[in-house]
Amino acid sequence: MTVHNRSPNSTPLLIGFSLLLIGIAQINGIWALTRVILVPVIESFSLVEVQPAKFSPQIYRLEIVDNRIRLTPKTIYTAATSPQLALEQALDKLLTQSPTFDPTTTIPQETRLLDLHISKDGVYVNLSREFTQGGGSSSMIYRVAQVLYTATSINPQAPIFLSIEGKPLNEDYPLGGEGLLLEYPLTRQQFTKDFLTE
């Protein structure tokens, strides 16, 4: 006869110990999975929150200071991923201001941005024909200044090629009924010298 020297309590003890090991393995697996999945997600959220805006263009409004008209910048913050998109958003915002309700602009209300693109030569801005309508020479000068300064708010040295319905504003195609003759392309420096200094 063979005698088995085995304690009657050893089987439950082995089962309990096995379950404990399985539980520890599961906890470790969950912890590892949490670190793999959640930590990068949390880190990416924190990076998005603290990341500053890449491009912060300005729109230029008009303000009367000491009985003189001044161009006043207002920075807008965009989620634009390129200077072109940032300038498009800035000009769209500028053009939505109505001179009827907003005395800080001389741009006619229905004016629309038809196209904007940036090349190595400068910034090309194409506006709808409403831009040329209404107002005298002073109004024409300041509406061009608002567009020019807004379109160069990211790069103040950039030349601006301003067109109306695809036609460049130049000596052959002056602006409005007043026949405002503009340099082509426009620059802040030349425009200020020609029209904004006394």
Protein backbone atom coordinates (compact mmCIF):
# COMPACT_ATOMS: atom_id res chain seq x y z
CA MET A 1 0.00 0.00 0.00
CA THR A 2 1.31 3.43 -0.94
CA VAL A 3 0.95 6.23 1.55
CA HIS A 4 0.53 9.78 0.18
CA ASN A 5 1.97 12.34 2.52
CA ARG A 6 -0.23 15.27 1.53
CA SER A 7 -1.87 17.80 3.75
CA PRO A 8 -5.62 18.09 3.27
CA ASN A 9 -5.33 21.96 3.18
CA SER A 10 -2.63 22.17 0.44
CA THR A 11 -5.04 22.19 -2.54
CA PRO A 12 -7.01 25.31 -1.50
CA LEU A 13 -3.72 26.98 -0.64
CA LEU A 14 -2.32 26.28 -4.12
CA ILE A 15 -5.51 27.51 -5.77
CA GLY A 16 -5.48 30.71 -3.68
CA PHE A 17 -1.83 31.34 -4.44
CA SER A 18 -2.43 30.79 -8.17
CA LEU A 19 -5.36 33.22 -8.13
CA LEU A 20 -3.20 35.77 -6.33
CA LEU A 21 -0.50 35.49 -9.00
CA ILE A 22 -3.08 35.83 -11.78
CA GLY A 23 -4.53 38.92 -10.07
CA ILE A 24 -1.09 40.54 -9.74
CA ALA A 25 -0.36 39.79 -13.40
CA GLN A 26 -3.66 41.37 -14.44
CA ILE A 27 -3.02 44.48 -12.36
CA ASN A 28 0.47 44.81 -13.85
CA GLY A 29 -0.96 44.33 -17.34
CA ILE A 30 -3.62 46.98 -16.78
CA TRP A 31 -1.03 49.39 -15.35
CA ALA A 32 1.28 48.84 -18.34
CA LEU A 33 -1.63 49.31 -20.77
CA THR A 34 -2.65 52.49 -18.98
CA ARG A 35 0.86 53.90 -19.31
CA VAL A 36 1.02 52.97 -23.00
CA ILE A 37 -2.39 54.45 -23.89
CA LEU A 38 -3.25 57.20 -21.41
CA VAL A 39 0.08 58.89 -20.76
CA PRO A 40 0.70 59.90 -24.42
CA VAL A 41 -2.91 61.09 -24.70
CA ILE A 42 -2.61 63.21 -21.54
CA GLU A 43 0.74 64.58 -22.70
CA SER A 44 -0.67 65.48 -26.12
CA PHE A 45 -3.59 67.35 -24.51
CA SER A 46 -1.23 69.31 -22.31
CA LEU A 47 0.94 70.21 -25.33
CA VAL A 48 -2.07 71.49 -27.25
CA GLU A 49 -3.20 73.65 -24.34
CA VAL A 50 0.13 75.39 -23.79
CA GLN A 51 1.13 75.78 -27.43
CA PRO A 52 1.10 79.47 -28.44
CA ALA A 53 -0.54 80.65 -31.65
CA LYS A 54 1.89 80.38 -34.55
CA PHE A 55 0.49 83.36 -36.43
CA SER A 56 -1.17 86.39 -34.87
CA PRO A 57 -2.09 88.88 -37.59
CA GLN A 58 -3.58 92.29 -36.90
CA ILE A 59 -6.56 94.05 -38.38
CA TYR A 60 -6.30 97.81 -38.78
CA ARG A 61 -9.16 100.07 -37.81
CA LEU A 62 -9.40 103.84 -37.91
CA GLU A 63 -9.33 106.06 -34.87
CA ILE A 64 -9.41 109.82 -34.44
CA VAL A 65 -6.59 111.05 -32.20
CA ASP A 66 -6.07 114.81 -31.72
CA ASN A 67 -8.40 115.52 -34.65
CA ARG A 68 -6.35 113.28 -36.92
CA ILE A 69 -7.17 109.86 -38.34
CA ARG A 70 -4.86 107.09 -37.20
CA LEU A 71 -4.60 103.43 -38.13
CA THR A 72 -5.04 101.33 -34.99
CA PRO A 73 -4.02 97.64 -34.93
CA LYS A 74 -5.96 94.94 -33.14
CA THR A 75 -4.31 91.51 -32.84
CA ILE A 76 -6.47 88.50 -33.63
CA TYR A 77 -5.57 84.99 -32.54
CA THR A 78 -6.19 82.20 -35.01
CA ALA A 79 -5.61 78.48 -35.24
CA ALA A 80 -4.19 79.00 -38.74
CA THR A 81 -1.39 76.66 -39.75
CA SER A 82 0.14 79.02 -42.32
CA PRO A 83 0.61 82.78 -42.77
CA GLN A 84 -1.69 82.66 -45.79
CA LEU A 85 -4.58 81.21 -43.78
CA ALA A 86 -3.92 83.66 -40.95
CA LEU A 87 -4.05 86.65 -43.33
CA GLU A 88 -7.21 85.31 -45.00
CA GLN A 89 -8.92 85.14 -41.61
CA ALA A 90 -7.70 88.63 -40.69
CA LEU A 91 -8.93 90.19 -43.94
CA ASP A 92 -12.26 88.35 -43.71
CA LYS A 93 -12.70 89.80 -40.23
CA LEU A 94 -11.71 93.27 -41.40
CA LEU A 95 -14.18 93.17 -44.30
CA THR A 96 -17.12 92.11 -42.12
CA GLN A 97 -17.05 95.47 -40.34
CA SER A 98 -19.71 97.81 -41.65
CA PRO A 99 -19.00 101.55 -42.00
CA THR A 100 -22.70 102.16 -41.38
CA PHE A 101 -22.49 100.78 -37.84
CA ASP A 102 -18.75 100.91 -37.25
CA PRO A 103 -17.01 104.29 -37.70
CA THR A 104 -13.59 102.61 -37.47
CA THR A 105 -13.65 101.52 -41.13
CA THR A 106 -14.17 103.12 -44.55
CA ILE A 107 -14.40 99.78 -46.42
CA PRO A 108 -17.81 99.34 -48.12
CA GLN A 109 -19.97 96.75 -46.41
CA GLU A 110 -20.38 94.28 -49.28
CA THR A 111 -16.65 94.01 -50.03
CA ARG A 112 -15.45 90.41 -50.16
CA LEU A 113 -12.03 88.79 -50.27
CA LEU A 114 -12.00 86.82 -53.53
CA ASP A 115 -8.49 85.46 -53.24
CA LEU A 116 -5.28 85.79 -51.25
CA HIS A 117 -2.04 83.99 -51.85
CA ILE A 118 1.55 84.51 -50.84
CA SER A 119 4.44 84.04 -53.24
CA LYS A 120 8.13 84.91 -53.14
CA ASP A 121 7.20 88.26 -54.74
CA GLY A 122 4.74 89.30 -52.03
CA VAL A 123 1.10 89.00 -51.00
CA TYR A 124 -1.58 88.99 -53.70
CA VAL A 125 -4.97 90.29 -52.55
CA ASN A 126 -8.00 90.21 -54.86
CA LEU A 127 -11.14 92.04 -53.66
CA SER A 128 -14.66 92.33 -55.02
CA ARG A 129 -15.72 95.46 -56.96
CA GLU A 130 -17.63 96.84 -53.96
CA PHE A 131 -14.28 97.97 -52.58
CA THR A 132 -14.16 100.72 -55.22
CA GLN A 133 -17.64 102.13 -54.58
CA GLY A 134 -18.67 105.20 -52.61
CA GLY A 135 -16.68 107.78 -50.71
CA GLY A 136 -14.23 110.46 -51.70
CA SER A 137 -10.46 110.41 -52.00
CA SER A 138 -9.91 110.37 -48.23
CA SER A 139 -12.19 107.35 -47.86
CA MET A 140 -10.35 105.57 -50.70
CA ILE A 141 -6.95 106.26 -49.14
CA TYR A 142 -7.93 104.90 -45.74
CA ARG A 143 -9.68 101.80 -47.04
CA VAL A 144 -6.55 100.92 -49.03
CA ALA A 145 -4.46 101.61 -45.92
CA GLN A 146 -6.63 99.27 -43.82
CA VAL A 147 -6.22 96.43 -46.32
CA LEU A 148 -2.52 97.13 -46.90
CA TYR A 149 -1.60 97.22 -43.21
CA THR A 150 -3.73 94.17 -42.38
CA ALA A 151 -2.22 92.16 -45.27
CA THR A 152 1.31 93.08 -44.11
CA SER A 153 0.70 92.54 -40.40
CA ILE A 154 2.72 89.31 -40.34
CA ASN A 155 5.51 90.69 -42.56
CA PRO A 156 5.50 94.53 -42.58
CA GLN A 157 8.08 94.59 -45.41
CA ALA A 158 6.00 92.49 -47.81
CA PRO A 159 4.84 94.10 -51.07
CA ILE A 160 1.08 93.88 -51.69
CA PHE A 161 -0.34 93.26 -55.15
CA LEU A 162 -3.88 94.63 -54.80
CA SER A 163 -6.46 93.74 -57.45
CA ILE A 164 -10.18 94.30 -57.94
CA GLU A 165 -11.99 91.41 -59.62
CA GLY A 166 -8.59 90.30 -60.96
CA LYS A 167 -7.56 93.74 -62.31
CA PRO A 168 -4.46 95.22 -60.66
CA LEU A 169 -4.88 98.67 -59.10
CA ASN A 170 -2.24 100.72 -60.89
CA GLU A 171 -1.89 103.72 -63.24
CA ASP A 172 -3.94 101.95 -65.92
CA TYR A 173 -6.68 101.04 -63.45
CA PRO A 174 -7.02 103.77 -60.77
CA LEU A 175 -9.19 103.27 -57.71
CA GLY A 176 -12.76 104.56 -57.73
CA GLY A 177 -14.34 107.67 -59.22
CA GLU A 178 -11.64 109.84 -57.68
CA GLY A 179 -9.05 108.05 -59.81
CA LEU A 180 -6.64 107.38 -56.95
CA LEU A 181 -3.34 106.36 -58.53
CA LEU A 182 -1.47 103.70 -56.59
CA GLU A 183 2.02 102.28 -56.82
CA TYR A 184 2.06 98.62 -57.86
CA PRO A 185 2.92 96.74 -55.76
CA LEU A 186 2.00 98.62 -52.60
CA THR A 187 4.29 98.82 -49.61
CA ARG A 188 3.69 100.32 -46.20
CA GLN A 189 6.65 102.64 -46.55
CA GLN A 190 5.74 104.08 -49.96
CA PHE A 191 2.01 104.33 -49.22
CA THR A 192 2.65 106.13 -45.93
CA LYS A 193 5.02 108.54 -47.65
CA ASP A 194 2.57 109.25 -50.52
CA PHE A 195 -0.72 109.44 -48.64
CA LEU A 196 -0.49 109.30 -44.84
CA THR A 197 2.06 111.97 -43.96
CA GLU A 198 1.41 115.68 -43.97
